[in-house]
């Protein structure tokens, strides 16, 4: 029986604007994935923010999301290799159940979502952060990819999706800047893959230090 201590499990936080390709990139990585979008608040939550000057819920504001619950799930995965995750229906803005997630003590997993960068400092403080990335691309490409996805999945009404799409396209550079300021490294998919490979090998990616997350 080996006397070596178990390899600790760490997380790569994968952020980026809505439609930047986070989910597809994470799925292709071959690593276990925690979808942070499942931690959105429900549509009747009185603390949900509104888009200024409208009656639209601002699902792109951090207050629309339960950061504490998401962090608890990440911590539990790192400690035990398993947790329970809400099943969230975006079309109805509601939690419809709960599913188990078991990563079987894999030493690295991805937690991806629009607000992943908001957890960089807290994951660093817990000692579980392997890296934090922010996928970025051309705002027009992101707009097209996001709209096609949301229409295909029937996420919200068409007028809502168009209003949100134009707003996010205009705000995209600011979104990337905010996530970068929170400690996520902005990069395209090719660089993100290289940093992910480095994290899986137990190496710190160049330019990524805990100090950046503070």
C-alpha atoms as a PDB file:
ATOM      1  CA  UNK A   1       0.000   0.000   0.000  1.00  0.00           C
ATOM      2  CA  UNK A   2       1.446   3.387  -1.008  1.00  0.00           C
ATOM      3  CA  UNK A   3       2.546   5.725   1.749  1.00  0.00           C
ATOM      4  CA  UNK A   4       2.292   8.779  -0.498  1.00  0.00           C
ATOM      5  CA  UNK A   5      -0.408  11.275   0.491  1.00  0.00           C
ATOM      6  CA  UNK A   6      -3.286  11.681  -1.980  1.00  0.00           C
ATOM      7  CA  UNK A   7      -2.875  14.363  -4.625  1.00  0.00           C
ATOM      8  CA  UNK A   8      -5.048  17.329  -3.614  1.00  0.00           C
ATOM      9  CA  UNK A   9      -7.876  18.267  -5.944  1.00  0.00           C
ATOM     10  CA  UNK A  10      -7.747  21.778  -7.402  1.00  0.00           C
ATOM     11  CA  UNK A  11      -9.988  23.802  -9.666  1.00  0.00           C
ATOM     12  CA  UNK A  12      -9.503  25.787 -12.861  1.00  0.00           C
ATOM     13  CA  UNK A  13     -12.030  28.623 -12.943  1.00  0.00           C
ATOM     14  CA  UNK A  14     -13.180  29.252 -16.516  1.00  0.00           C
ATOM     15  CA  UNK A  15     -14.838  32.626 -17.036  1.00  0.00           C
ATOM     16  CA  UNK A  16     -15.675  34.745 -20.072  1.00  0.00           C
ATOM     17  CA  UNK A  17     -18.632  36.613 -21.575  1.00  0.00           C
ATOM     18  CA  UNK A  18     -21.831  34.712 -22.276  1.00  0.00           C
ATOM     19  CA  UNK A  19     -21.368  32.952 -25.620  1.00  0.00           C
ATOM     20  CA  UNK A  20     -17.565  32.924 -25.497  1.00  0.00           C
ATOM     21  CA  UNK A  21     -17.450  29.118 -25.732  1.00  0.00           C
ATOM     22  CA  UNK A  22     -16.800  28.192 -22.094  1.00  0.00           C
ATOM     23  CA  UNK A  23     -19.096  25.165 -21.991  1.00  0.00           C
ATOM     24  CA  UNK A  24     -17.865  23.633 -25.251  1.00  0.00           C
ATOM     25  CA  UNK A  25     -14.220  24.235 -24.306  1.00  0.00           C
ATOM     26  CA  UNK A  26     -14.732  22.646 -20.884  1.00  0.00           C
ATOM     27  CA  UNK A  27     -16.552  19.661 -22.409  1.00  0.00           C
ATOM     28  CA  UNK A  28     -13.718  19.048 -24.871  1.00  0.00           C
ATOM     29  CA  UNK A  29     -11.052  19.236 -22.162  1.00  0.00           C
ATOM     30  CA  UNK A  30     -11.791  15.743 -20.880  1.00  0.00           C
ATOM     31  CA  UNK A  31     -11.817  17.016 -17.273  1.00  0.00           C
ATOM     32  CA  UNK A  32     -14.792  16.874 -14.917  1.00  0.00           C
ATOM     33  CA  UNK A  33     -16.877  20.049 -15.164  1.00  0.00           C
ATOM     34  CA  UNK A  34     -18.948  21.929 -12.612  1.00  0.00           C
ATOM     35  CA  UNK A  35     -21.421  24.211 -14.399  1.00  0.00           C
ATOM     36  CA  UNK A  36     -21.648  27.372 -12.311  1.00  0.00           C
ATOM     37  CA  UNK A  37     -24.710  28.617 -14.229  1.00  0.00           C
ATOM     38  CA  UNK A  38     -26.723  26.072 -12.238  1.00  0.00           C
ATOM     39  CA  UNK A  39     -26.285  28.363  -9.230  1.00  0.00           C
ATOM     40  CA  UNK A  40     -28.377  31.202 -10.640  1.00  0.00           C
ATOM     41  CA  UNK A  41     -31.070  32.524  -8.300  1.00  0.00           C
ATOM     42  CA  UNK A  42     -34.675  31.659  -9.089  1.00  0.00           C
ATOM     43  CA  UNK A  43     -36.854  34.122 -10.962  1.00  0.00           C
ATOM     44  CA  UNK A  44     -39.002  35.020  -7.947  1.00  0.00           C
ATOM     45  CA  UNK A  45     -36.032  35.906  -5.743  1.00  0.00           C
ATOM     46  CA  UNK A  46     -36.585  39.493  -4.518  1.00  0.00           C
ATOM     47  CA  UNK A  47     -32.835  40.199  -4.536  1.00  0.00           C
ATOM     48  CA  UNK A  48     -32.525  39.807  -8.332  1.00  0.00           C
ATOM     49  CA  UNK A  49     -31.128  42.969  -9.982  1.00  0.00           C
ATOM     50  CA  UNK A  50     -32.836  44.746 -12.876  1.00  0.00           C
ATOM     51  CA  UNK A  51     -31.310  46.278 -15.987  1.00  0.00           C
ATOM     52  CA  UNK A  52     -31.347  50.034 -15.268  1.00  0.00           C
ATOM     53  CA  UNK A  53     -34.320  51.770 -16.806  1.00  0.00           C
ATOM     54  CA  UNK A  54     -36.144  48.517 -17.656  1.00  0.00           C
ATOM     55  CA  UNK A  55     -38.170  45.754 -16.044  1.00  0.00           C
ATOM     56  CA  UNK A  56     -35.767  43.093 -17.357  1.00  0.00           C
ATOM     57  CA  UNK A  57     -33.906  40.981 -14.809  1.00  0.00           C
ATOM     58  CA  UNK A  58     -30.187  41.504 -15.250  1.00  0.00           C
ATOM     59  CA  UNK A  59     -28.961  37.908 -15.457  1.00  0.00           C
ATOM     60  CA  UNK A  60     -25.488  39.216 -16.299  1.00  0.00           C
ATOM     61  CA  UNK A  61     -25.037  40.970 -12.950  1.00  0.00           C
ATOM     62  CA  UNK A  62     -23.232  39.040 -10.198  1.00  0.00           C
ATOM     63  CA  UNK A  63     -26.153  39.562  -7.791  1.00  0.00           C
ATOM     64  CA  UNK A  64     -28.274  37.249  -9.990  1.00  0.00           C
ATOM     65  CA  UNK A  65     -26.116  34.329  -8.858  1.00  0.00           C
ATOM     66  CA  UNK A  66     -25.490  32.480  -5.572  1.00  0.00           C
ATOM     67  CA  UNK A  67     -21.715  32.758  -5.189  1.00  0.00           C
ATOM     68  CA  UNK A  68     -21.698  31.251  -1.683  1.00  0.00           C
ATOM     69  CA  UNK A  69     -23.448  28.054  -2.835  1.00  0.00           C
ATOM     70  CA  UNK A  70     -21.123  27.753  -5.844  1.00  0.00           C
ATOM     71  CA  UNK A  71     -18.048  28.157  -3.647  1.00  0.00           C
ATOM     72  CA  UNK A  72     -19.375  25.566  -1.204  1.00  0.00           C
ATOM     73  CA  UNK A  73     -19.781  23.069  -4.062  1.00  0.00           C
ATOM     74  CA  UNK A  74     -16.221  23.720  -5.283  1.00  0.00           C
ATOM     75  CA  UNK A  75     -14.866  23.276  -1.766  1.00  0.00           C
ATOM     76  CA  UNK A  76     -16.767  20.032  -1.290  1.00  0.00           C
ATOM     77  CA  UNK A  77     -15.491  18.644  -4.608  1.00  0.00           C
ATOM     78  CA  UNK A  78     -11.921  19.493  -3.623  1.00  0.00           C
ATOM     79  CA  UNK A  79     -12.313  17.882  -0.187  1.00  0.00           C
ATOM     80  CA  UNK A  80     -14.380  14.805  -0.977  1.00  0.00           C
ATOM     81  CA  UNK A  81     -14.638  14.444  -4.754  1.00  0.00           C
ATOM     82  CA  UNK A  82     -18.405  14.746  -4.751  1.00  0.00           C
ATOM     83  CA  UNK A  83     -21.203  17.238  -4.226  1.00  0.00           C
ATOM     84  CA  UNK A  84     -24.823  17.914  -5.175  1.00  0.00           C
ATOM     85  CA  UNK A  85     -25.642  20.518  -7.816  1.00  0.00           C
ATOM     86  CA  UNK A  86     -28.954  22.269  -8.536  1.00  0.00           C
ATOM     87  CA  UNK A  87     -30.664  21.482 -11.826  1.00  0.00           C
ATOM     88  CA  UNK A  88     -31.481  24.910 -13.238  1.00  0.00           C
ATOM     89  CA  UNK A  89     -33.970  25.565 -16.044  1.00  0.00           C
ATOM     90  CA  UNK A  90     -32.950  28.832 -17.708  1.00  0.00           C
ATOM     91  CA  UNK A  91     -36.198  29.098 -19.685  1.00  0.00           C
ATOM     92  CA  UNK A  92     -38.294  29.215 -16.495  1.00  0.00           C
ATOM     93  CA  UNK A  93     -35.577  30.720 -14.255  1.00  0.00           C
ATOM     94  CA  UNK A  94     -36.121  28.001 -11.674  1.00  0.00           C
ATOM     95  CA  UNK A  95     -34.409  25.094  -9.971  1.00  0.00           C
ATOM     96  CA  UNK A  96     -36.145  21.875 -10.928  1.00  0.00           C
ATOM     97  CA  UNK A  97     -34.174  19.420  -8.818  1.00  0.00           C
ATOM     98  CA  UNK A  98     -30.716  18.391  -7.738  1.00  0.00           C
ATOM     99  CA  UNK A  99     -28.120  16.025  -9.201  1.00  0.00           C
ATOM    100  CA  UNK A 100     -25.044  14.361  -7.696  1.00  0.00           C
ATOM    101  CA  UNK A 101     -21.644  15.187  -9.165  1.00  0.00           C
ATOM    102  CA  UNK A 102     -18.817  12.733  -8.474  1.00  0.00           C
ATOM    103  CA  UNK A 103     -15.350  13.491  -9.860  1.00  0.00           C
ATOM    104  CA  UNK A 104     -13.780  10.441  -8.154  1.00  0.00           C
ATOM    105  CA  UNK A 105     -10.911  12.357  -6.560  1.00  0.00           C
ATOM    106  CA  UNK A 106      -9.643  13.588  -9.909  1.00  0.00           C
ATOM    107  CA  UNK A 107      -6.798  16.009  -9.116  1.00  0.00           C
ATOM    108  CA  UNK A 108      -8.161  18.735 -11.410  1.00  0.00           C
ATOM    109  CA  UNK A 109     -11.588  19.876 -12.546  1.00  0.00           C
ATOM    110  CA  UNK A 110     -13.101  22.892 -14.290  1.00  0.00           C
ATOM    111  CA  UNK A 111     -15.732  25.206 -12.812  1.00  0.00           C
ATOM    112  CA  UNK A 112     -17.112  27.256 -15.701  1.00  0.00           C
ATOM    113  CA  UNK A 113     -19.570  30.103 -15.839  1.00  0.00           C
ATOM    114  CA  UNK A 114     -20.100  33.796 -16.490  1.00  0.00           C
ATOM    115  CA  UNK A 115     -19.281  34.627 -12.872  1.00  0.00           C
ATOM    116  CA  UNK A 116     -16.399  32.212 -12.333  1.00  0.00           C
ATOM    117  CA  UNK A 117     -13.939  35.100 -11.967  1.00  0.00           C
ATOM    118  CA  UNK A 118     -15.858  36.317  -8.919  1.00  0.00           C
ATOM    119  CA  UNK A 119     -14.538  33.250  -7.071  1.00  0.00           C
ATOM    120  CA  UNK A 120     -10.840  33.656  -7.908  1.00  0.00           C
ATOM    121  CA  UNK A 121      -9.823  35.316  -4.648  1.00  0.00           C
ATOM    122  CA  UNK A 122     -11.983  33.046  -2.510  1.00  0.00           C
ATOM    123  CA  UNK A 123     -10.660  29.861  -4.146  1.00  0.00           C
ATOM    124  CA  UNK A 124      -7.096  31.157  -3.768  1.00  0.00           C
ATOM    125  CA  UNK A 125      -7.751  31.792  -0.079  1.00  0.00           C
ATOM    126  CA  UNK A 126      -8.964  28.180   0.269  1.00  0.00           C
ATOM    127  CA  UNK A 127      -5.783  26.943  -1.410  1.00  0.00           C
ATOM    128  CA  UNK A 128      -7.677  25.105  -4.176  1.00  0.00           C
ATOM    129  CA  UNK A 129      -7.052  27.380  -7.187  1.00  0.00           C
ATOM    130  CA  UNK A 130      -4.991  25.876 -10.014  1.00  0.00           C
ATOM    131  CA  UNK A 131      -5.636  28.656 -12.550  1.00  0.00           C
ATOM    132  CA  UNK A 132      -8.290  31.138 -13.636  1.00  0.00           C
ATOM    133  CA  UNK A 133      -8.996  31.863 -17.295  1.00  0.00           C
ATOM    134  CA  UNK A 134     -11.231  34.282 -19.170  1.00  0.00           C
ATOM    135  CA  UNK A 135     -12.068  33.209 -22.723  1.00  0.00           C
ATOM    136  CA  UNK A 136     -12.252  36.158 -25.074  1.00  0.00           C
ATOM    137  CA  UNK A 137     -12.854  36.679 -28.770  1.00  0.00           C
ATOM    138  CA  UNK A 138     -14.512  39.092 -31.194  1.00  0.00           C
ATOM    139  CA  UNK A 139     -17.694  40.658 -29.728  1.00  0.00           C
ATOM    140  CA  UNK A 140     -19.546  40.145 -33.027  1.00  0.00           C
ATOM    141  CA  UNK A 141     -18.679  36.427 -33.012  1.00  0.00           C
ATOM    142  CA  UNK A 142     -19.736  36.096 -29.395  1.00  0.00           C
ATOM    143  CA  UNK A 143     -23.021  37.870 -30.158  1.00  0.00           C
ATOM    144  CA  UNK A 144     -23.822  35.503 -33.022  1.00  0.00           C
ATOM    145  CA  UNK A 145     -22.853  32.359 -31.095  1.00  0.00           C
ATOM    146  CA  UNK A 146     -24.811  33.422 -28.020  1.00  0.00           C
ATOM    147  CA  UNK A 147     -27.958  34.336 -29.948  1.00  0.00           C
ATOM    148  CA  UNK A 148     -28.011  31.110 -31.962  1.00  0.00           C
ATOM    149  CA  UNK A 149     -27.520  29.048 -28.798  1.00  0.00           C
ATOM    150  CA  UNK A 150     -30.209  30.883 -26.844  1.00  0.00           C
ATOM    151  CA  UNK A 151     -32.711  30.660 -29.686  1.00  0.00           C
ATOM    152  CA  UNK A 152     -31.983  26.966 -30.217  1.00  0.00           C
ATOM    153  CA  UNK A 153     -32.465  26.224 -26.524  1.00  0.00           C
ATOM    154  CA  UNK A 154     -35.477  28.525 -26.114  1.00  0.00           C
ATOM    155  CA  UNK A 155     -33.866  30.186 -23.137  1.00  0.00           C
ATOM    156  CA  UNK A 156     -35.972  33.375 -23.152  1.00  0.00           C
ATOM    157  CA  UNK A 157     -38.297  35.304 -25.461  1.00  0.00           C
ATOM    158  CA  UNK A 158     -36.839  36.558 -28.745  1.00  0.00           C
ATOM    159  CA  UNK A 159     -37.223  40.285 -27.855  1.00  0.00           C
ATOM    160  CA  UNK A 160     -35.473  39.702 -24.528  1.00  0.00           C
ATOM    161  CA  UNK A 161     -32.630  37.808 -26.193  1.00  0.00           C
ATOM    162  CA  UNK A 162     -32.123  40.551 -28.792  1.00  0.00           C
ATOM    163  CA  UNK A 163     -32.115  43.317 -26.163  1.00  0.00           C
ATOM    164  CA  UNK A 164     -29.684  41.359 -24.019  1.00  0.00           C
ATOM    165  CA  UNK A 165     -27.513  40.434 -26.999  1.00  0.00           C
ATOM    166  CA  UNK A 166     -26.991  43.997 -28.167  1.00  0.00           C
ATOM    167  CA  UNK A 167     -26.335  45.168 -24.617  1.00  0.00           C
ATOM    168  CA  UNK A 168     -23.757  42.462 -24.010  1.00  0.00           C
ATOM    169  CA  UNK A 169     -22.019  43.033 -27.334  1.00  0.00           C
ATOM    170  CA  UNK A 170     -21.515  46.700 -26.469  1.00  0.00           C
ATOM    171  CA  UNK A 171     -20.361  45.784 -22.961  1.00  0.00           C
ATOM    172  CA  UNK A 172     -18.136  42.816 -23.866  1.00  0.00           C
ATOM    173  CA  UNK A 173     -14.760  44.536 -23.598  1.00  0.00           C
ATOM    174  CA  UNK A 174     -15.741  45.891 -20.193  1.00  0.00           C
ATOM    175  CA  UNK A 175     -16.865  42.421 -19.092  1.00  0.00           C
ATOM    176  CA  UNK A 176     -13.482  40.954 -20.033  1.00  0.00           C
ATOM    177  CA  UNK A 177     -11.701  43.833 -18.275  1.00  0.00           C
ATOM    178  CA  UNK A 178     -13.681  43.233 -15.083  1.00  0.00           C
ATOM    179  CA  UNK A 179     -12.974  39.502 -15.077  1.00  0.00           C
ATOM    180  CA  UNK A 180      -9.293  40.192 -15.726  1.00  0.00           C
ATOM    181  CA  UNK A 181      -9.207  42.614 -12.788  1.00  0.00           C
ATOM    182  CA  UNK A 182     -10.678  39.866 -10.598  1.00  0.00           C
ATOM    183  CA  UNK A 183      -7.706  37.619 -11.443  1.00  0.00           C
ATOM    184  CA  UNK A 184      -8.748  35.631 -14.537  1.00  0.00           C
ATOM    185  CA  UNK A 185      -6.176  35.517 -17.344  1.00  0.00           C
ATOM    186  CA  UNK A 186      -7.720  36.713 -20.649  1.00  0.00           C
ATOM    187  CA  UNK A 187      -6.913  34.414 -23.552  1.00  0.00           C
ATOM    188  CA  UNK A 188      -8.180  32.682 -26.666  1.00  0.00           C
ATOM    189  CA  UNK A 189      -8.897  28.955 -26.661  1.00  0.00           C
ATOM    190  CA  UNK A 190      -5.448  27.874 -27.873  1.00  0.00           C
ATOM    191  CA  UNK A 191      -3.676  29.597 -24.980  1.00  0.00           C
ATOM    192  CA  UNK A 192      -6.345  28.425 -22.551  1.00  0.00           C
ATOM    193  CA  UNK A 193      -5.683  24.838 -23.604  1.00  0.00           C
ATOM    194  CA  UNK A 194      -1.965  25.284 -22.949  1.00  0.00           C
ATOM    195  CA  UNK A 195      -2.574  26.672 -19.486  1.00  0.00           C
ATOM    196  CA  UNK A 196      -5.024  23.881 -18.769  1.00  0.00           C
ATOM    197  CA  UNK A 197      -2.406  21.330 -19.788  1.00  0.00           C
ATOM    198  CA  UNK A 198       0.112  23.012 -17.489  1.00  0.00           C
ATOM    199  CA  UNK A 199      -2.342  22.954 -14.591  1.00  0.00           C
ATOM    200  CA  UNK A 200      -3.102  19.267 -15.202  1.00  0.00           C
ATOM    201  CA  UNK A 201       0.631  18.572 -15.042  1.00  0.00           C
ATOM    202  CA  UNK A 202       0.843  20.375 -11.726  1.00  0.00           C
ATOM    203  CA  UNK A 203       2.713  23.373 -13.106  1.00  0.00           C
ATOM    204  CA  UNK A 204       1.854  27.012 -12.565  1.00  0.00           C
ATOM    205  CA  UNK A 205       1.127  28.748 -15.841  1.00  0.00           C
ATOM    206  CA  UNK A 206       3.434  31.636 -16.659  1.00  0.00           C
ATOM    207  CA  UNK A 207       2.136  34.846 -15.170  1.00  0.00           C
ATOM    208  CA  UNK A 208      -0.368  33.108 -12.886  1.00  0.00           C
ATOM    209  CA  UNK A 209       0.311  33.653  -9.200  1.00  0.00           C
ATOM    210  CA  UNK A 210      -1.820  33.694  -6.113  1.00  0.00           C
ATOM    211  CA  UNK A 211      -0.925  37.338  -5.748  1.00  0.00           C
ATOM    212  CA  UNK A 212      -2.900  38.090  -8.925  1.00  0.00           C
ATOM    213  CA  UNK A 213      -6.032  36.847  -7.196  1.00  0.00           C
ATOM    214  CA  UNK A 214      -5.663  39.309  -4.324  1.00  0.00           C
END
